[in-house]
Every structure is written in structure tokens, then in C-alpha cells.
Amino acid sequence: MSTLLEVKDVTKTYIERNKIFKARVFHAVKTTSFSLAKGKTLAIMGSNGSGKSTLAALISGAATPTSGDIYFAGERLIPGDYQQRSKHIRMIFQDAEASLNPHLTLGKQLEEPLLFNSALNAVQRRERIIETLQQVGLLGEHMMFYPQMMSTGQKQRASIARAIILKPDVLVADEALATLDSSVRAQIINLLLDLQDKLGIAYIFISQSPEIVKHLADEVVVMHEGSIVERGTVVDVFNNPQQSYTQKLLRSELTNAPSDGNVDTAFLEKE
């Protein structure tokens, strides 16, 4: 299967200064490489501070690598060229409510990326918005809603709609299910699986939850202190983890925040 996204020798280093102006180098992501195929899901697991969210920011373009490169379909993604990247890679944020503008209707918020990144006219933009809302299980009428008029689950669906409005090839989801209750979480998992099946989207899913990773991912990499310490198929890593760190992570012993892994499997359509 051909490679869609390739992360090649990427690092991210921060310079921290204390009150007496002494500098400390912090390696958030050490030399890291991996690839992702079309229509597949790669999970990135690790405890808080492992570097997984920094890596998500590098892939989505929210942060710039200190060194290394990221390629999409063989083409190098240029740091700072958001228009180039937004056509291919979009992000789903953890807090859907905070990521939505309370002062704009959902339709206006979905139209913004189309205005800046497409040549669609007003009629075509409206048609794309309605089509996208229906793809995530909302109604065309929801384009007139403000975020405060929607439930938590509807807001997460709206966030996903905004992520797929440009028909990207890759979605990066950073703990996107962490704040949802179990029944809504299961519904969103089913939605993501359905979108992947219909649209061929590839996912990079950042999560501390073994249950979520087991239901969503094909492959998994485990990060610790900025480095990948284990990788493989979900079946191989979950059934036979080689590192003691991975073993503890899969038992949820390293989670420093409330677990997002209480998935009610009765709501899941497929594993």
C-alpha cells in the first residue's frame, strides 16, 4: 500500500528560560519517523508530556519542526504554508465547544475554509456545507445554528464537519473524544469509522485510551519522553507489548488525567 504521509527525522526543541535568564533546552520530540497509508489509522499513545500532542501539532502545521521534514504523497510540506497543508491535512480538536466561535452560525464557520481555500461560488459553497453537515449526521438546517444552540455531541459533529469540509486526505485528532460521555463517544467513533469507509480518510489519532485505540486504529506508536519506544499493529502491540512502559500504559497506570477510555461497547457498530 502506497505511503500517503511520511514523517521523516522530525524533531521539536524548545528553549526555556528561568527567572535568572538561564536557558534550558527541552526536546519535546526527538528524532521521529513514521508513515501513514491512505484510509488507515495510526494511533499515537503516551502519558502526559510524552510528546504526542507536540507531534500532532507538527503534522497539522500548528507548530514548526526544529529539524526534519513531513511529506504528503511525496511532496514536502513547507512550514508556514497553511494553504498547501490545509488542502490535505485538517485537525479535530479536543474541546469542540472552545474551537467553535459562539458569535458565528455554524454555516458561517463552515464557509470560512471554503472562502480561503477553494474557488467555489456562493451556491456551491452552500451545497458543500449542507452535504458535509449530512455526512456527519446533522441537518442542513443546522447551518443556521449558533454553537450554544447545539448539544455536546452535535458540537463535536460540527467540529468534524469543519475538519472535512475541504475533503482532506488526513485528519489529525488530538484527544478528540476525551471530554465526551461514553454513549456520545461511541457514536462519534462510529461516525469516524463510517467517514473513513466512505471517504477514504486516513487518521492520526492521539489518545491515552487503550479502548479507543483498539476500536479505531490499525497501527500504534508509543511515545515516551519525546521518543517512539514501541510501534506495530494494534493487535501485536496490545497482545504482546515489549516495553514495560507500554505494558503500564495499556493498563492505564500512566494516565495523569481522567481516562477517556470508558467506551460503552454496546453502542459500537464494529470493533
C-alpha atoms as a PDB file:
ATOM      1  CA  MET A   1       0.000   0.000   0.000  1.00  0.00           C
ATOM      2  CA  SER A   2       1.420   3.360  -1.012  1.00  0.00           C
ATOM      3  CA  THR A   3       2.521   5.887   1.573  1.00  0.00           C
ATOM      4  CA  LEU A   4       0.258   8.918   1.925  1.00  0.00           C
ATOM      5  CA  LEU A   5       2.026  10.789   4.733  1.00  0.00           C
ATOM      6  CA  GLU A   6       5.653  10.450   5.762  1.00  0.00           C
ATOM      7  CA  VAL A   7       7.217  11.984   8.854  1.00  0.00           C
ATOM      8  CA  LYS A   8      10.987  11.862   8.362  1.00  0.00           C
ATOM      9  CA  ASP A   9      13.506  12.565  11.152  1.00  0.00           C
ATOM     10  CA  VAL A  10      11.316  15.252  12.718  1.00  0.00           C
ATOM     11  CA  THR A  11      12.352  16.952  15.959  1.00  0.00           C
ATOM     12  CA  LYS A  12      10.985  19.790  18.067  1.00  0.00           C
ATOM     13  CA  THR A  13      13.161  21.618  20.570  1.00  0.00           C
ATOM     14  CA  TYR A  14      12.176  24.484  22.844  1.00  0.00           C
ATOM     15  CA  ILE A  15      14.449  26.876  24.673  1.00  0.00           C
ATOM     16  CA  GLU A  16      13.148  27.566  28.167  1.00  0.00           C
ATOM     17  CA  ARG A  17      14.439  30.456  30.276  1.00  0.00           C
ATOM     18  CA  ASN A  18      14.023  30.726  34.027  1.00  0.00           C
ATOM     19  CA  LYS A  19      13.823  33.824  36.199  1.00  0.00           C
ATOM     20  CA  ILE A  20      17.570  34.353  36.208  1.00  0.00           C
ATOM     21  CA  PHE A  21      17.683  34.014  32.422  1.00  0.00           C
ATOM     22  CA  LYS A  22      19.404  30.665  32.302  1.00  0.00           C
ATOM     23  CA  ALA A  23      18.410  28.746  29.211  1.00  0.00           C
ATOM     24  CA  ARG A  24      17.382  25.106  29.207  1.00  0.00           C
ATOM     25  CA  VAL A  25      16.923  23.059  26.069  1.00  0.00           C
ATOM     26  CA  PHE A  26      13.775  20.940  26.118  1.00  0.00           C
ATOM     27  CA  HIS A  27      13.467  18.209  23.495  1.00  0.00           C
ATOM     28  CA  ALA A  28       9.689  17.825  23.142  1.00  0.00           C
ATOM     29  CA  VAL A  29      10.034  15.488  20.144  1.00  0.00           C
ATOM     30  CA  LYS A  30      13.273  13.668  19.472  1.00  0.00           C
ATOM     31  CA  THR A  31      14.187  12.277  16.055  1.00  0.00           C
ATOM     32  CA  THR A  32      10.956  10.640  14.895  1.00  0.00           C
ATOM     33  CA  SER A  33       9.945   8.919  11.663  1.00  0.00           C
ATOM     34  CA  PHE A  34       6.845   7.008  10.585  1.00  0.00           C
ATOM     35  CA  SER A  35       4.457   6.734   7.649  1.00  0.00           C
ATOM     36  CA  LEU A  36       0.708   6.522   7.105  1.00  0.00           C
ATOM     37  CA  ALA A  37      -1.158   4.849   4.249  1.00  0.00           C
ATOM     38  CA  LYS A  38      -4.386   6.085   2.655  1.00  0.00           C
ATOM     39  CA  GLY A  39      -7.505   5.097   4.546  1.00  0.00           C
ATOM     40  CA  LYS A  40      -5.602   3.780   7.575  1.00  0.00           C
ATOM     41  CA  THR A  41      -5.500   4.915  11.195  1.00  0.00           C
ATOM     42  CA  LEU A  42      -2.319   5.415  13.179  1.00  0.00           C
ATOM     43  CA  ALA A  43      -2.688   5.947  16.917  1.00  0.00           C
ATOM     44  CA  ILE A  44      -0.052   7.808  18.900  1.00  0.00           C
ATOM     45  CA  MET A  45      -0.145   6.863  22.569  1.00  0.00           C
ATOM     46  CA  GLY A  46       1.762   8.100  25.583  1.00  0.00           C
ATOM     47  CA  SER A  47       1.315   9.607  29.014  1.00  0.00           C
ATOM     48  CA  ASN A  48       1.062  13.350  29.586  1.00  0.00           C
ATOM     49  CA  GLY A  49       4.271  15.064  28.498  1.00  0.00           C
ATOM     50  CA  SER A  50       5.340  12.237  26.187  1.00  0.00           C
ATOM     51  CA  GLY A  51       5.415  14.498  23.130  1.00  0.00           C
ATOM     52  CA  LYS A  52       2.375  13.082  21.357  1.00  0.00           C
ATOM     53  CA  SER A  53       0.425  16.360  21.209  1.00  0.00           C
ATOM     54  CA  THR A  54       3.513  18.255  20.055  1.00  0.00           C
ATOM     55  CA  LEU A  55       3.887  15.710  17.276  1.00  0.00           C
ATOM     56  CA  ALA A  56       0.227  16.239  16.322  1.00  0.00           C
ATOM     57  CA  ALA A  57       0.861  19.989  16.141  1.00  0.00           C
ATOM     58  CA  LEU A  58       3.866  19.431  13.868  1.00  0.00           C
ATOM     59  CA  ILE A  59       1.862  17.251  11.490  1.00  0.00           C
ATOM     60  CA  SER A  60      -1.100  19.629  11.358  1.00  0.00           C
ATOM     61  CA  GLY A  61       1.127  22.673  10.842  1.00  0.00           C
ATOM     62  CA  ALA A  62       0.289  24.328  14.157  1.00  0.00           C
ATOM     63  CA  ALA A  63       3.982  24.056  15.081  1.00  0.00           C
ATOM     64  CA  THR A  64       7.172  24.111  13.001  1.00  0.00           C
ATOM     65  CA  PRO A  65       9.744  21.289  13.264  1.00  0.00           C
ATOM     66  CA  THR A  66      13.184  22.191  14.541  1.00  0.00           C
ATOM     67  CA  SER A  67      14.559  19.711  12.019  1.00  0.00           C
ATOM     68  CA  GLY A  68      13.263  17.040   9.691  1.00  0.00           C
ATOM     69  CA  ASP A  69      10.521  17.083   7.104  1.00  0.00           C
ATOM     70  CA  ILE A  70       6.951  15.965   6.547  1.00  0.00           C
ATOM     71  CA  TYR A  71       5.830  14.752   3.128  1.00  0.00           C
ATOM     72  CA  PHE A  72       2.367  14.324   1.655  1.00  0.00           C
ATOM     73  CA  ALA A  73       2.168  11.992  -1.364  1.00  0.00           C
ATOM     74  CA  GLY A  74       5.896  12.545  -1.872  1.00  0.00           C
ATOM     75  CA  GLU A  75       5.627  16.341  -1.761  1.00  0.00           C
ATOM     76  CA  ARG A  76       7.398  18.153   1.065  1.00  0.00           C
ATOM     77  CA  LEU A  77       5.042  20.215   3.207  1.00  0.00           C
ATOM     78  CA  ILE A  78       6.511  23.674   3.627  1.00  0.00           C
ATOM     79  CA  PRO A  79       6.335  25.036   7.192  1.00  0.00           C
ATOM     80  CA  GLY A  80       4.120  28.127   7.313  1.00  0.00           C
ATOM     81  CA  ASP A  81       2.357  27.348   4.025  1.00  0.00           C
ATOM     82  CA  TYR A  82      -1.054  26.782   5.583  1.00  0.00           C
ATOM     83  CA  GLN A  83      -2.918  26.809   2.280  1.00  0.00           C
ATOM     84  CA  GLN A  84      -0.816  23.947   0.953  1.00  0.00           C
ATOM     85  CA  ARG A  85      -1.287  21.896   4.107  1.00  0.00           C
ATOM     86  CA  SER A  86      -4.982  22.663   4.680  1.00  0.00           C
ATOM     87  CA  LYS A  87      -5.908  21.028   1.391  1.00  0.00           C
ATOM     88  CA  HIS A  88      -4.567  17.723   2.643  1.00  0.00           C
ATOM     89  CA  ILE A  89      -4.429  17.724   6.461  1.00  0.00           C
ATOM     90  CA  ARG A  90      -7.024  19.026   8.906  1.00  0.00           C
ATOM     91  CA  MET A  91      -7.366  18.815  12.670  1.00  0.00           C
ATOM     92  CA  ILE A  92     -10.123  17.817  15.091  1.00  0.00           C
ATOM     93  CA  PHE A  93      -9.613  19.458  18.460  1.00  0.00           C
ATOM     94  CA  GLN A  94     -10.224  18.023  21.908  1.00  0.00           C
ATOM     95  CA  ASP A  95     -12.636  20.740  23.044  1.00  0.00           C
ATOM     96  CA  ALA A  96     -15.199  21.188  20.274  1.00  0.00           C
ATOM     97  CA  GLU A  97     -17.006  23.928  22.170  1.00  0.00           C
ATOM     98  CA  ALA A  98     -13.863  26.028  22.584  1.00  0.00           C
ATOM     99  CA  SER A  99     -12.913  25.535  18.938  1.00  0.00           C
ATOM    100  CA  LEU A 100     -16.255  26.896  17.670  1.00  0.00           C
ATOM    101  CA  ASN A 101     -16.909  30.641  17.517  1.00  0.00           C
ATOM    102  CA  PRO A 102     -20.004  31.405  19.641  1.00  0.00           C
ATOM    103  CA  HIS A 103     -20.675  34.590  17.641  1.00  0.00           C
ATOM    104  CA  LEU A 104     -20.955  32.927  14.216  1.00  0.00           C
ATOM    105  CA  THR A 105     -23.515  30.479  12.877  1.00  0.00           C
ATOM    106  CA  LEU A 106     -22.264  27.030  12.016  1.00  0.00           C
ATOM    107  CA  GLY A 107     -22.812  27.791   8.337  1.00  0.00           C
ATOM    108  CA  LYS A 108     -20.515  30.826   8.510  1.00  0.00           C
ATOM    109  CA  GLN A 109     -17.848  28.806  10.283  1.00  0.00           C
ATOM    110  CA  LEU A 110     -18.000  26.047   7.684  1.00  0.00           C
ATOM    111  CA  GLU A 111     -17.903  28.584   4.870  1.00  0.00           C
ATOM    112  CA  GLU A 112     -14.675  30.244   6.049  1.00  0.00           C
ATOM    113  CA  PRO A 113     -12.275  27.496   4.931  1.00  0.00           C
ATOM    114  CA  LEU A 114     -14.095  27.314   1.586  1.00  0.00           C
ATOM    115  CA  LEU A 115     -13.696  31.062   1.054  1.00  0.00           C
ATOM    116  CA  PHE A 116      -9.948  30.931   1.661  1.00  0.00           C
ATOM    117  CA  ASN A 117      -9.103  27.570   0.113  1.00  0.00           C
ATOM    118  CA  SER A 118     -11.481  26.930  -2.776  1.00  0.00           C
ATOM    119  CA  ALA A 119     -12.848  28.542  -5.919  1.00  0.00           C
ATOM    120  CA  LEU A 120     -16.460  27.566  -5.158  1.00  0.00           C
ATOM    121  CA  ASN A 121     -19.132  30.216  -5.705  1.00  0.00           C
ATOM    122  CA  ALA A 122     -21.800  31.055  -3.127  1.00  0.00           C
ATOM    123  CA  VAL A 123     -24.278  28.432  -4.361  1.00  0.00           C
ATOM    124  CA  GLN A 124     -21.593  25.746  -4.488  1.00  0.00           C
ATOM    125  CA  ARG A 125     -20.380  26.652  -1.005  1.00  0.00           C
ATOM    126  CA  ARG A 126     -23.910  26.319   0.380  1.00  0.00           C
ATOM    127  CA  GLU A 127     -24.303  22.932  -1.312  1.00  0.00           C
ATOM    128  CA  ARG A 128     -20.961  21.749   0.095  1.00  0.00           C
ATOM    129  CA  ILE A 129     -21.930  22.904   3.609  1.00  0.00           C
ATOM    130  CA  ILE A 130     -25.262  21.067   3.518  1.00  0.00           C
ATOM    131  CA  GLU A 131     -23.618  17.932   2.082  1.00  0.00           C
ATOM    132  CA  THR A 132     -20.942  17.980   4.802  1.00  0.00           C
ATOM    133  CA  LEU A 133     -23.438  18.509   7.622  1.00  0.00           C
ATOM    134  CA  GLN A 134     -25.398  15.496   6.405  1.00  0.00           C
ATOM    135  CA  GLN A 135     -22.217  13.427   6.217  1.00  0.00           C
ATOM    136  CA  VAL A 136     -21.639  13.952   9.956  1.00  0.00           C
ATOM    137  CA  GLY A 137     -25.229  13.212  10.933  1.00  0.00           C
ATOM    138  CA  LEU A 138     -26.533  16.780  11.178  1.00  0.00           C
ATOM    139  CA  LEU A 139     -29.232  18.521   9.154  1.00  0.00           C
ATOM    140  CA  GLY A 140     -28.874  21.265   6.574  1.00  0.00           C
ATOM    141  CA  GLU A 141     -30.858  23.487   8.937  1.00  0.00           C
ATOM    142  CA  HIS A 142     -28.013  23.314  11.445  1.00  0.00           C
ATOM    143  CA  MET A 143     -26.101  25.792   9.317  1.00  0.00           C
ATOM    144  CA  MET A 144     -28.305  28.475  10.895  1.00  0.00           C
ATOM    145  CA  PHE A 145     -27.499  27.352  14.455  1.00  0.00           C
ATOM    146  CA  TYR A 146     -25.065  29.027  16.819  1.00  0.00           C
ATOM    147  CA  PRO A 147     -22.866  26.664  18.866  1.00  0.00           C
ATOM    148  CA  GLN A 148     -24.759  27.374  22.096  1.00  0.00           C
ATOM    149  CA  MET A 149     -27.913  26.024  20.437  1.00  0.00           C
ATOM    150  CA  MET A 150     -26.366  22.565  19.964  1.00  0.00           C
ATOM    151  CA  SER A 151     -25.725  19.626  22.288  1.00  0.00           C
ATOM    152  CA  THR A 152     -22.205  18.438  23.143  1.00  0.00           C
ATOM    153  CA  GLY A 153     -22.430  15.620  20.616  1.00  0.00           C
ATOM    154  CA  GLN A 154     -23.698  17.969  17.916  1.00  0.00           C
ATOM    155  CA  LYS A 155     -20.809  20.346  18.593  1.00  0.00           C
ATOM    156  CA  GLN A 156     -18.312  17.538  18.111  1.00  0.00           C
ATOM    157  CA  ARG A 157     -20.059  16.587  14.866  1.00  0.00           C
ATOM    158  CA  ALA A 158     -19.862  20.256  13.818  1.00  0.00           C
ATOM    159  CA  SER A 159     -16.141  20.245  14.599  1.00  0.00           C
ATOM    160  CA  ILE A 160     -15.692  17.156  12.437  1.00  0.00           C
ATOM    161  CA  ALA A 161     -17.731  18.810   9.655  1.00  0.00           C
ATOM    162  CA  ARG A 162     -15.372  21.780   9.685  1.00  0.00           C
ATOM    163  CA  ALA A 163     -12.412  19.403   9.528  1.00  0.00           C
ATOM    164  CA  ILE A 164     -13.716  17.540   6.452  1.00  0.00           C
ATOM    165  CA  ILE A 165     -15.290  20.490   4.586  1.00  0.00           C
ATOM    166  CA  LEU A 166     -12.227  20.762   2.300  1.00  0.00           C
ATOM    167  CA  LYS A 167     -12.249  16.992   1.673  1.00  0.00           C
ATOM    168  CA  PRO A 168      -8.807  16.385   3.190  1.00  0.00           C
ATOM    169  CA  ASP A 169      -6.887  13.144   2.975  1.00  0.00           C
ATOM    170  CA  VAL A 170      -5.672  13.114   6.593  1.00  0.00           C
ATOM    171  CA  LEU A 171      -7.375  14.091   9.847  1.00  0.00           C
ATOM    172  CA  VAL A 172      -5.344  14.612  12.999  1.00  0.00           C
ATOM    173  CA  ALA A 173      -7.429  14.136  16.152  1.00  0.00           C
ATOM    174  CA  ASP A 174      -5.771  15.208  19.398  1.00  0.00           C
ATOM    175  CA  GLU A 175      -7.721  13.599  22.282  1.00  0.00           C
ATOM    176  CA  ALA A 176     -10.876  14.487  20.335  1.00  0.00           C
ATOM    177  CA  LEU A 177     -13.074  12.130  22.366  1.00  0.00           C
ATOM    178  CA  ALA A 178     -11.713  12.853  25.826  1.00  0.00           C
ATOM    179  CA  THR A 179     -14.477  15.183  27.044  1.00  0.00           C
ATOM    180  CA  LEU A 180     -17.454  13.188  25.732  1.00  0.00           C
ATOM    181  CA  ASP A 181     -19.599  10.848  27.802  1.00  0.00           C
ATOM    182  CA  SER A 182     -19.497   7.167  26.909  1.00  0.00           C
ATOM    183  CA  SER A 183     -22.609   6.950  24.717  1.00  0.00           C
ATOM    184  CA  VAL A 184     -21.766  10.081  22.703  1.00  0.00           C
ATOM    185  CA  ARG A 185     -18.158   8.925  22.429  1.00  0.00           C
ATOM    186  CA  ALA A 186     -19.245   5.617  20.934  1.00  0.00           C
ATOM    187  CA  GLN A 187     -21.456   7.443  18.420  1.00  0.00           C
ATOM    188  CA  ILE A 188     -18.545   9.647  17.338  1.00  0.00           C
ATOM    189  CA  ILE A 189     -16.267   6.615  16.995  1.00  0.00           C
ATOM    190  CA  ASN A 190     -18.854   5.020  14.698  1.00  0.00           C
ATOM    191  CA  LEU A 191     -19.098   8.274  12.733  1.00  0.00           C
ATOM    192  CA  LEU A 192     -15.315   8.445  12.255  1.00  0.00           C
ATOM    193  CA  LEU A 193     -15.215   4.817  11.100  1.00  0.00           C
ATOM    194  CA  ASP A 194     -18.091   5.464   8.690  1.00  0.00           C
ATOM    195  CA  LEU A 195     -16.410   8.570   7.235  1.00  0.00           C
ATOM    196  CA  GLN A 196     -13.193   6.636   6.778  1.00  0.00           C
ATOM    197  CA  ASP A 197     -15.031   3.871   4.967  1.00  0.00           C
ATOM    198  CA  LYS A 198     -16.929   6.254   2.658  1.00  0.00           C
ATOM    199  CA  LEU A 199     -14.305   8.955   2.066  1.00  0.00           C
ATOM    200  CA  GLY A 200     -11.047   7.043   2.386  1.00  0.00           C
ATOM    201  CA  ILE A 201      -9.708   9.423   5.033  1.00  0.00           C
ATOM    202  CA  ALA A 202      -6.580   8.476   6.966  1.00  0.00           C
ATOM    203  CA  TYR A 203      -6.450   9.316  10.677  1.00  0.00           C
ATOM    204  CA  ILE A 204      -3.712  10.131  13.116  1.00  0.00           C
ATOM    205  CA  PHE A 205      -5.344   9.670  16.483  1.00  0.00           C
ATOM    206  CA  ILE A 206      -3.713  10.981  19.658  1.00  0.00           C
ATOM    207  CA  SER A 207      -5.034   9.203  22.721  1.00  0.00           C
ATOM    208  CA  GLN A 208      -4.207   7.864  26.168  1.00  0.00           C
ATOM    209  CA  SER A 209      -7.095   5.412  25.977  1.00  0.00           C
ATOM    210  CA  PRO A 210      -6.337   1.778  25.093  1.00  0.00           C
ATOM    211  CA  GLU A 211     -10.039   1.131  24.467  1.00  0.00           C
ATOM    212  CA  ILE A 212     -10.370   3.940  21.938  1.00  0.00           C
ATOM    213  CA  VAL A 213      -7.156   2.962  20.164  1.00  0.00           C
ATOM    214  CA  LYS A 214      -8.280  -0.679  19.995  1.00  0.00           C
ATOM    215  CA  HIS A 215     -11.542   0.294  18.289  1.00  0.00           C
ATOM    216  CA  LEU A 216     -10.138   2.911  15.894  1.00  0.00           C
ATOM    217  CA  ALA A 217      -6.549   2.177  14.931  1.00  0.00           C
ATOM    218  CA  ASP A 218      -4.711  -0.169  12.587  1.00  0.00           C
ATOM    219  CA  GLU A 219      -1.231   0.668  13.863  1.00  0.00           C
ATOM    220  CA  VAL A 220       0.095   2.299  17.015  1.00  0.00           C
ATOM    221  CA  VAL A 221       3.252   4.079  18.083  1.00  0.00           C
ATOM    222  CA  VAL A 222       4.001   4.593  21.759  1.00  0.00           C
ATOM    223  CA  MET A 223       5.876   7.726  22.832  1.00  0.00           C
ATOM    224  CA  HIS A 224       7.866   8.342  25.990  1.00  0.00           C
ATOM    225  CA  GLU A 225       9.892  11.486  26.753  1.00  0.00           C
ATOM    226  CA  GLY A 226       9.760  12.614  23.128  1.00  0.00           C
ATOM    227  CA  SER A 227      10.781   9.327  21.526  1.00  0.00           C
ATOM    228  CA  ILE A 228       8.940   6.406  19.972  1.00  0.00           C
ATOM    229  CA  VAL A 229       9.655   3.428  22.218  1.00  0.00           C
ATOM    230  CA  GLU A 230       7.364   0.871  20.563  1.00  0.00           C
ATOM    231  CA  ARG A 231       5.425   0.522  17.333  1.00  0.00           C
ATOM    232  CA  GLY A 232       3.470  -2.072  15.405  1.00  0.00           C
ATOM    233  CA  THR A 233      -0.023  -3.200  14.566  1.00  0.00           C
ATOM    234  CA  VAL A 234      -2.586  -2.681  17.306  1.00  0.00           C
ATOM    235  CA  VAL A 235      -3.030  -6.453  17.581  1.00  0.00           C
ATOM    236  CA  ASP A 236       0.709  -7.076  18.018  1.00  0.00           C
ATOM    237  CA  VAL A 237       1.385  -4.243  20.455  1.00  0.00           C
ATOM    238  CA  PHE A 238      -1.707  -4.832  22.559  1.00  0.00           C
ATOM    239  CA  ASN A 239      -1.295  -8.608  22.717  1.00  0.00           C
ATOM    240  CA  ASN A 240       2.457  -8.650  23.212  1.00  0.00           C
ATOM    241  CA  PRO A 241       3.866  -5.283  24.359  1.00  0.00           C
ATOM    242  CA  GLN A 242       7.655  -5.433  24.546  1.00  0.00           C
ATOM    243  CA  GLN A 243       8.346  -2.416  26.745  1.00  0.00           C
ATOM    244  CA  SER A 244       7.377  -2.162  30.416  1.00  0.00           C
ATOM    245  CA  TYR A 245       6.283   1.429  29.728  1.00  0.00           C
ATOM    246  CA  THR A 246       3.838   0.180  27.090  1.00  0.00           C
ATOM    247  CA  GLN A 247       2.556  -2.500  29.433  1.00  0.00           C
ATOM    248  CA  LYS A 248       1.791   0.092  32.115  1.00  0.00           C
ATOM    249  CA  LEU A 249       0.218   2.435  29.538  1.00  0.00           C
ATOM    250  CA  LEU A 250      -2.117  -0.280  28.307  1.00  0.00           C
ATOM    251  CA  ARG A 251      -3.159  -0.913  31.897  1.00  0.00           C
ATOM    252  CA  SER A 252      -3.870   2.837  32.184  1.00  0.00           C
ATOM    253  CA  GLU A 253      -1.337   3.136  35.002  1.00  0.00           C
ATOM    254  CA  LEU A 254       0.366   6.148  33.399  1.00  0.00           C
ATOM    255  CA  THR A 255      -2.695   8.294  32.737  1.00  0.00           C
ATOM    256  CA  ASN A 256      -2.411  11.543  34.675  1.00  0.00           C
ATOM    257  CA  ALA A 257      -5.839  12.828  33.696  1.00  0.00           C
ATOM    258  CA  PRO A 258      -9.313  11.258  33.908  1.00  0.00           C
ATOM    259  CA  SER A 259      -9.401   8.411  31.419  1.00  0.00           C
ATOM    260  CA  ASP A 260     -11.256   8.895  28.152  1.00  0.00           C
ATOM    261  CA  GLY A 261     -11.390   5.171  27.662  1.00  0.00           C
ATOM    262  CA  ASN A 262     -14.727   4.189  29.166  1.00  0.00           C
ATOM    263  CA  VAL A 263     -16.267   3.302  25.833  1.00  0.00           C
ATOM    264  CA  ASP A 264     -19.635   1.642  26.128  1.00  0.00           C
ATOM    265  CA  THR A 265     -19.166  -1.105  23.539  1.00  0.00           C
ATOM    266  CA  ALA A 266     -22.906  -1.691  23.377  1.00  0.00           C
ATOM    267  CA  PHE A 267     -23.118   1.443  21.232  1.00  0.00           C
ATOM    268  CA  LEU A 268     -20.350   0.419  18.854  1.00  0.00           C
ATOM    269  CA  GLU A 269     -21.327  -0.917  15.447  1.00  0.00           C
ATOM    270  CA  LYS A 270     -17.999  -2.601  14.780  1.00  0.00           C
ATOM    271  CA  GLU A 271     -14.706  -3.187  16.502  1.00  0.00           C
END
